[in-house]
């Protein structure tokens, strides 16, 4: 009898622990066949990042929770880690606390601007060639120029992340501040010379990188404003909004301005804008967008590398977690090149 009571007590204790703490394993597998006309190459590629993640929450009581998230990136066609120069937990590696004060996390992850802006882009921030978030929506800007070549461009490492609660149900402020660590940066000439570069290899950042974004929205309308400064004092301003005139249609647009005056001797300003839409039709969704990126070049207008991009895509849902997709892109980079890009593939969340 005593043994039975002890067993029941232990089972009850285990149940309480399980109720207060949880770990979720999640991920994405995305692969497709693509063709780019200026290279005349057909390849197996991807529309979205492929990831394997671990996310945990522990209830500490009194409304306080401990959080962690680790996210690995990999290539589905070969099974290798995404780009060998990138860290194992390329997507993010953060731990923190959440309570009435908001959420505080430490580690590596998307900056406040980069994370916010994905909600205002027709491919939802996916790094697809058809999408805009990796180029036009950031006006060619990089959040982390001090990482080795080939590393992710839209994250801070060695950083503190803070998100306020959603105030009044409509407003939220997000802040990211990183340290001056070099992150194994390559030699960056900037305003220097090859013999005396402005940022020698593995040099410290001259300033603390930081990123701030604010969102406001109620019902079918939402807008954001953001400002970011990276480790080499390049600055980015961005604003955007979306509007849902009917539940199945989302219209969106954004404008951004990059200022590289600290490290680029001429043509420091790059401006970009985009407009887009998502439209749900039956089991599918149509994605569409048009945008333009224009670097400043008052000295020689003939060399402006202006980019214009029109993209059209379609998703067909086979289930709540799996869909087929097709993308088509026409991209014109003046005066360098014009190319078309086509992709068809499958996307699965688990």
Protein backbone atom coordinates (compact mmCIF):
# COMPACT_ATOMS: atom_id res chain seq x y z
CA UNK A 1 0.00 0.00 0.00
CA UNK A 2 2.82 2.39 0.95
CA UNK A 3 4.63 1.55 -2.29
CA UNK A 4 1.48 2.29 -4.28
CA UNK A 5 1.03 5.66 -2.56
CA UNK A 6 4.70 6.51 -3.18
CA UNK A 7 4.37 5.59 -6.87
CA UNK A 8 1.28 7.77 -7.22
CA UNK A 9 3.05 10.67 -5.51
CA UNK A 10 6.05 10.35 -7.85
CA UNK A 11 3.81 10.19 -10.90
CA UNK A 12 2.01 13.31 -9.70
CA UNK A 13 5.30 15.15 -9.27
CA UNK A 14 6.43 14.15 -12.76
CA UNK A 15 3.10 15.35 -14.18
CA UNK A 16 3.56 18.76 -12.52
CA UNK A 17 7.07 19.09 -13.95
CA UNK A 18 5.85 18.15 -17.42
CA UNK A 19 3.05 20.68 -17.18
CA UNK A 20 5.47 23.46 -16.21
CA UNK A 21 8.17 22.76 -18.80
CA UNK A 22 8.02 21.82 -22.49
CA UNK A 23 10.44 21.33 -25.37
CA UNK A 24 9.33 21.36 -29.00
CA UNK A 25 11.28 19.93 -31.93
CA UNK A 26 10.34 21.62 -35.22
CA UNK A 27 11.70 22.19 -38.68
CA UNK A 28 11.31 22.75 -42.40
CA UNK A 29 12.23 20.66 -45.42
CA UNK A 30 12.06 22.59 -48.69
CA UNK A 31 13.47 21.51 -52.05
CA UNK A 32 12.76 22.31 -55.67
CA UNK A 33 14.10 22.41 -59.20
CA UNK A 34 15.06 25.82 -60.54
CA UNK A 35 16.39 27.36 -63.73
CA UNK A 36 18.01 30.75 -64.29
CA UNK A 37 18.18 31.88 -67.90
CA UNK A 38 21.47 33.83 -67.83
CA UNK A 39 23.34 30.77 -66.52
CA UNK A 40 21.39 28.15 -68.48
CA UNK A 41 21.69 25.79 -65.50
CA UNK A 42 18.95 23.63 -64.03
CA UNK A 43 19.60 22.85 -60.36
CA UNK A 44 18.06 21.48 -57.20
CA UNK A 45 17.54 24.41 -54.88
CA UNK A 46 15.19 25.76 -52.26
CA UNK A 47 12.66 28.50 -51.71
CA UNK A 48 12.93 28.63 -47.93
CA UNK A 49 15.62 27.93 -45.35
CA UNK A 50 15.76 24.29 -44.24
CA UNK A 51 15.96 24.11 -40.50
CA UNK A 52 15.92 21.85 -37.48
CA UNK A 53 15.02 23.62 -34.26
CA UNK A 54 14.55 23.09 -30.55
CA UNK A 55 12.33 25.46 -28.60
CA UNK A 56 11.68 25.28 -24.87
CA UNK A 57 9.55 27.04 -22.26
CA UNK A 58 9.63 26.62 -18.49
CA UNK A 59 6.99 28.17 -16.23
CA UNK A 60 8.82 29.72 -13.27
CA UNK A 61 5.65 30.91 -11.56
CA UNK A 62 4.17 34.38 -10.94
CA UNK A 63 3.84 34.95 -14.68
CA UNK A 64 7.56 34.47 -15.34
CA UNK A 65 8.85 32.03 -17.97
CA UNK A 66 12.30 30.88 -19.07
CA UNK A 67 12.78 30.49 -22.85
CA UNK A 68 15.37 29.01 -25.16
CA UNK A 69 15.61 28.37 -28.91
CA UNK A 70 18.32 26.67 -31.00
CA UNK A 71 18.05 26.42 -34.78
CA UNK A 72 20.29 24.51 -37.21
CA UNK A 73 20.27 25.15 -40.97
CA UNK A 74 21.06 22.49 -43.58
CA UNK A 75 20.91 21.81 -47.33
CA UNK A 76 18.29 19.19 -48.32
CA UNK A 77 19.95 18.14 -51.60
CA UNK A 78 23.24 17.13 -49.91
CA UNK A 79 22.39 16.97 -46.20
CA UNK A 80 25.34 19.20 -45.24
CA UNK A 81 25.17 22.11 -42.82
CA UNK A 82 24.12 25.31 -44.62
CA UNK A 83 27.30 27.01 -45.90
CA UNK A 84 30.29 25.62 -44.00
CA UNK A 85 31.47 29.05 -42.75
CA UNK A 86 28.23 29.53 -40.81
CA UNK A 87 27.81 28.52 -37.16
CA UNK A 88 26.08 25.26 -36.23
CA UNK A 89 23.09 27.16 -34.83
CA UNK A 90 22.96 29.55 -37.77
CA UNK A 91 19.25 30.34 -37.43
CA UNK A 92 19.40 31.38 -33.82
CA UNK A 93 20.70 30.45 -30.38
CA UNK A 94 18.99 32.45 -27.65
CA UNK A 95 17.97 32.07 -24.02
CA UNK A 96 15.93 34.48 -21.93
CA UNK A 97 13.00 35.40 -19.73
CA UNK A 98 9.44 36.46 -20.46
CA UNK A 99 7.02 38.20 -18.10
CA UNK A 100 4.83 41.25 -17.66
CA UNK A 101 7.88 43.36 -18.60
CA UNK A 102 8.08 41.74 -22.05
CA UNK A 103 10.74 39.34 -23.39
CA UNK A 104 14.52 39.56 -22.89
CA UNK A 105 16.85 37.12 -24.69
CA UNK A 106 20.62 36.84 -25.17
CA UNK A 107 22.58 35.20 -27.98
CA UNK A 108 22.21 35.19 -31.76
CA UNK A 109 19.13 35.89 -33.89
CA UNK A 110 17.40 38.15 -36.39
CA UNK A 111 17.70 41.85 -35.57
CA UNK A 112 14.61 43.82 -34.55
CA UNK A 113 14.32 45.32 -38.05
CA UNK A 114 14.97 42.08 -39.94
CA UNK A 115 12.44 40.11 -37.87
CA UNK A 116 9.72 42.77 -38.11
CA UNK A 117 9.99 43.47 -41.84
CA UNK A 118 9.26 39.87 -42.91
CA UNK A 119 5.55 40.38 -42.13
CA UNK A 120 5.39 43.10 -44.80
CA UNK A 121 6.94 41.18 -47.71
CA UNK A 122 4.99 38.94 -50.13
CA UNK A 123 7.29 35.90 -49.65
CA UNK A 124 7.20 36.32 -45.84
CA UNK A 125 10.96 36.85 -45.64
CA UNK A 126 11.89 33.54 -47.29
CA UNK A 127 15.29 33.80 -49.07
CA UNK A 128 13.74 32.70 -52.39
CA UNK A 129 15.05 34.39 -55.54
CA UNK A 130 11.45 35.49 -56.04
CA UNK A 131 11.43 37.19 -52.63
CA UNK A 132 12.57 40.69 -51.68
CA UNK A 133 13.74 40.51 -48.07
CA UNK A 134 17.40 39.67 -48.78
CA UNK A 135 17.98 42.55 -51.25
CA UNK A 136 15.32 45.14 -52.08
CA UNK A 137 13.59 45.23 -48.71
CA UNK A 138 16.95 45.98 -47.08
CA UNK A 139 18.21 48.24 -49.91
CA UNK A 140 21.27 46.00 -50.27
CA UNK A 141 22.14 46.46 -46.59
CA UNK A 142 23.80 43.88 -44.34
CA UNK A 143 23.27 43.71 -40.57
CA UNK A 144 26.54 41.84 -39.93
CA UNK A 145 29.39 42.90 -42.25
CA UNK A 146 31.96 41.75 -39.67
CA UNK A 147 31.17 38.08 -40.14
CA UNK A 148 33.22 35.92 -42.48
CA UNK A 149 32.23 36.00 -46.14
CA UNK A 150 29.27 33.70 -46.78
CA UNK A 151 27.73 34.05 -43.33
CA UNK A 152 24.18 35.24 -42.77
CA UNK A 153 23.65 38.95 -43.38
CA UNK A 154 20.53 39.64 -41.30
CA UNK A 155 21.46 38.65 -37.74
CA UNK A 156 23.38 39.95 -34.75
CA UNK A 157 25.60 37.65 -32.70
CA UNK A 158 26.67 38.43 -29.12
CA UNK A 159 23.49 40.46 -28.68
CA UNK A 160 20.66 41.33 -26.29
CA UNK A 161 17.11 41.24 -27.67
CA UNK A 162 14.13 42.96 -26.03
CA UNK A 163 10.45 42.99 -27.03
CA UNK A 164 7.88 44.96 -25.06
CA UNK A 165 4.45 43.46 -24.42
CA UNK A 166 1.84 44.42 -27.01
CA UNK A 167 0.65 47.68 -25.46
CA UNK A 168 -3.06 48.39 -25.71
CA UNK A 169 -3.36 45.46 -28.06
CA UNK A 170 -1.89 47.49 -30.94
CA UNK A 171 1.69 48.70 -30.27
CA UNK A 172 5.01 46.91 -29.73
CA UNK A 173 8.63 48.09 -29.52
CA UNK A 174 11.58 45.80 -30.34
CA UNK A 175 15.26 46.55 -29.59
CA UNK A 176 18.48 44.62 -30.36
CA UNK A 177 21.95 45.70 -29.18
CA UNK A 178 25.15 43.80 -30.03
CA UNK A 179 28.75 44.01 -28.85
CA UNK A 180 31.74 45.34 -30.81
CA UNK A 181 33.20 41.86 -31.38
CA UNK A 182 34.86 41.28 -34.76
CA UNK A 183 33.13 37.94 -35.51
CA UNK A 184 36.12 36.89 -37.70
CA UNK A 185 35.49 39.67 -40.20
CA UNK A 186 37.33 39.76 -43.53
CA UNK A 187 39.47 42.72 -44.55
CA UNK A 188 37.17 45.65 -45.48
CA UNK A 189 38.82 48.44 -47.49
CA UNK A 190 36.02 51.01 -47.16
CA UNK A 191 37.59 54.50 -47.19
CA UNK A 192 41.04 52.96 -46.74
CA UNK A 193 43.37 51.21 -49.17
CA UNK A 194 44.34 47.59 -49.78
CA UNK A 195 47.60 48.27 -47.91
CA UNK A 196 45.83 50.07 -45.05
CA UNK A 197 42.21 48.95 -45.01
CA UNK A 198 39.65 50.84 -42.97
CA UNK A 199 38.70 47.60 -41.20
CA UNK A 200 41.62 45.15 -41.03
CA UNK A 201 40.80 41.46 -40.74
CA UNK A 202 39.44 40.51 -37.30
CA UNK A 203 39.26 44.16 -36.22
CA UNK A 204 36.75 45.30 -33.63
CA UNK A 205 33.65 47.20 -34.70
CA UNK A 206 33.98 50.97 -34.14
CA UNK A 207 30.49 51.12 -32.61
CA UNK A 208 27.93 48.88 -30.96
CA UNK A 209 25.48 47.68 -33.61
CA UNK A 210 21.83 48.20 -32.70
CA UNK A 211 18.39 47.83 -34.24
CA UNK A 212 15.01 49.29 -33.28
CA UNK A 213 11.57 48.59 -34.74
CA UNK A 214 8.04 49.55 -33.75
CA UNK A 215 4.77 48.07 -35.01
CA UNK A 216 1.25 49.38 -34.70
CA UNK A 217 -1.86 47.65 -35.94
CA UNK A 218 -5.46 46.86 -35.31
CA UNK A 219 -7.79 44.66 -37.33
CA UNK A 220 -6.86 44.60 -41.03
CA UNK A 221 -4.23 47.39 -40.86
CA UNK A 222 -0.62 47.22 -39.63
CA UNK A 223 2.46 49.41 -40.06
CA UNK A 224 6.08 49.47 -38.90
CA UNK A 225 9.03 51.83 -38.69
CA UNK A 226 12.63 50.71 -38.11
CA UNK A 227 16.16 52.05 -37.77
CA UNK A 228 19.39 50.03 -37.64
CA UNK A 229 23.12 50.71 -37.47
CA UNK A 230 25.60 47.90 -38.09
CA UNK A 231 29.17 47.37 -36.88
CA UNK A 232 30.73 49.62 -39.57
CA UNK A 233 28.26 52.47 -38.91
CA UNK A 234 26.12 51.85 -41.99
CA UNK A 235 22.59 53.06 -41.25
CA UNK A 236 19.22 51.86 -42.51
CA UNK A 237 15.78 53.47 -42.23
CA UNK A 238 12.68 51.51 -43.22
CA UNK A 239 8.89 51.95 -43.09
CA UNK A 240 6.14 49.63 -44.30
CA UNK A 241 2.49 48.72 -43.97
CA UNK A 242 -0.08 46.16 -44.98
CA UNK A 243 -3.85 46.32 -45.43
CA UNK A 244 -6.43 43.54 -45.73
CA UNK A 245 -9.48 44.93 -47.57
CA UNK A 246 -11.00 41.44 -47.38
CA UNK A 247 -9.82 38.47 -45.26
CA UNK A 248 -8.29 36.63 -48.25
CA UNK A 249 -6.33 39.60 -49.67
CA UNK A 250 -3.27 41.23 -48.11
CA UNK A 251 -1.75 44.31 -49.79
CA UNK A 252 1.65 45.51 -48.60
CA UNK A 253 4.49 47.88 -49.32
CA UNK A 254 7.70 49.26 -47.85
CA UNK A 255 10.38 51.91 -48.42
CA UNK A 256 13.99 51.78 -47.21
CA UNK A 257 17.12 53.95 -47.32
CA UNK A 258 20.71 52.79 -46.67
CA UNK A 259 23.46 55.26 -45.77
CA UNK A 260 27.07 54.00 -46.08
CA UNK A 261 28.73 57.38 -45.67
CA UNK A 262 31.10 56.15 -42.94
CA UNK A 263 32.77 53.53 -45.14
CA UNK A 264 31.99 54.31 -48.81
CA UNK A 265 33.77 57.34 -50.35
CA UNK A 266 31.21 57.90 -53.15
CA UNK A 267 27.60 56.89 -53.79
CA UNK A 268 26.80 56.15 -50.12
CA UNK A 269 22.99 56.27 -50.40
CA UNK A 270 20.82 53.40 -51.68
CA UNK A 271 17.03 53.68 -51.82
CA UNK A 272 14.56 50.88 -52.44
CA UNK A 273 10.83 50.23 -52.39
CA UNK A 274 8.47 47.38 -53.06
CA UNK A 275 4.77 46.65 -53.31
CA UNK A 276 3.20 43.20 -53.05
CA UNK A 277 0.13 41.11 -52.42
CA UNK A 278 -0.97 37.72 -51.10
CA UNK A 279 -4.34 36.38 -52.25
CA UNK A 280 -5.88 33.16 -50.93
CA UNK A 281 -7.86 31.24 -53.56
CA UNK A 282 -9.36 27.93 -52.46
CA UNK A 283 -6.52 25.66 -51.30
CA UNK A 284 -3.86 27.95 -52.75
CA UNK A 285 -2.29 31.37 -52.42
CA UNK A 286 -1.03 33.74 -55.10
CA UNK A 287 2.07 35.82 -54.25
CA UNK A 288 3.04 38.86 -56.32
CA UNK A 289 5.48 41.72 -55.98
CA UNK A 290 7.28 44.51 -57.80
CA UNK A 291 10.19 46.54 -56.48
CA UNK A 292 13.17 48.72 -57.30
CA UNK A 293 16.58 49.45 -55.74
CA UNK A 294 18.52 52.56 -56.79
CA UNK A 295 22.03 53.40 -55.55
CA UNK A 296 22.98 57.07 -55.56
CA UNK A 297 25.59 57.99 -58.21
CA UNK A 298 25.77 61.69 -58.96
CA UNK A 299 29.20 61.36 -60.58
CA UNK A 300 28.36 58.90 -63.33
CA UNK A 301 24.72 58.11 -63.97
CA UNK A 302 25.64 55.49 -66.57
CA UNK A 303 27.05 53.19 -63.88
CA UNK A 304 24.01 53.14 -61.61
CA UNK A 305 23.30 49.49 -60.78
CA UNK A 306 19.55 50.00 -60.60
CA UNK A 307 17.60 46.81 -59.89
CA UNK A 308 14.02 46.18 -60.94
CA UNK A 309 12.25 42.95 -59.98
CA UNK A 310 8.84 41.48 -60.74
CA UNK A 311 7.90 38.20 -59.06
CA UNK A 312 4.88 35.93 -59.24
CA UNK A 313 4.34 32.76 -57.21
CA UNK A 314 1.69 30.23 -56.29
CA UNK A 315 1.35 27.87 -53.32
CA UNK A 316 -1.00 24.87 -53.34
CA UNK A 317 -1.73 23.37 -49.92
CA UNK A 318 -1.76 19.58 -49.81
CA UNK A 319 -2.28 19.71 -46.01
CA UNK A 320 -1.89 22.24 -43.18
CA UNK A 321 1.86 21.47 -43.14
CA UNK A 322 2.74 20.72 -46.78
CA UNK A 323 2.42 22.72 -49.97
CA UNK A 324 3.65 22.72 -53.55
CA UNK A 325 4.96 25.96 -55.02
CA UNK A 326 5.96 27.55 -58.29
CA UNK A 327 7.80 30.89 -58.68
CA UNK A 328 8.65 33.06 -61.66
CA UNK A 329 10.94 36.10 -61.60
CA UNK A 330 12.13 38.73 -64.04
CA UNK A 331 15.03 40.75 -62.67
CA UNK A 332 16.78 43.58 -64.48
CA UNK A 333 20.04 44.99 -63.10
CA UNK A 334 21.09 48.06 -65.12
CA UNK A 335 23.50 48.01 -66.87
CA UNK A 336 24.77 44.56 -65.89
CA UNK A 337 22.17 41.92 -66.72
CA UNK A 338 18.60 40.82 -67.14
CA UNK A 339 17.50 37.31 -66.27
CA UNK A 340 14.42 35.20 -65.71
CA UNK A 341 14.19 32.61 -62.96
CA UNK A 342 11.75 29.73 -62.57
CA UNK A 343 11.33 27.30 -59.68
CA UNK A 344 8.97 24.51 -58.69
CA UNK A 345 9.17 22.56 -55.44
CA UNK A 346 7.66 21.23 -52.24
CA UNK A 347 7.69 22.71 -48.73
CA UNK A 348 6.99 20.71 -45.55
CA UNK A 349 6.84 21.89 -41.94
CA UNK A 350 7.17 19.46 -39.03
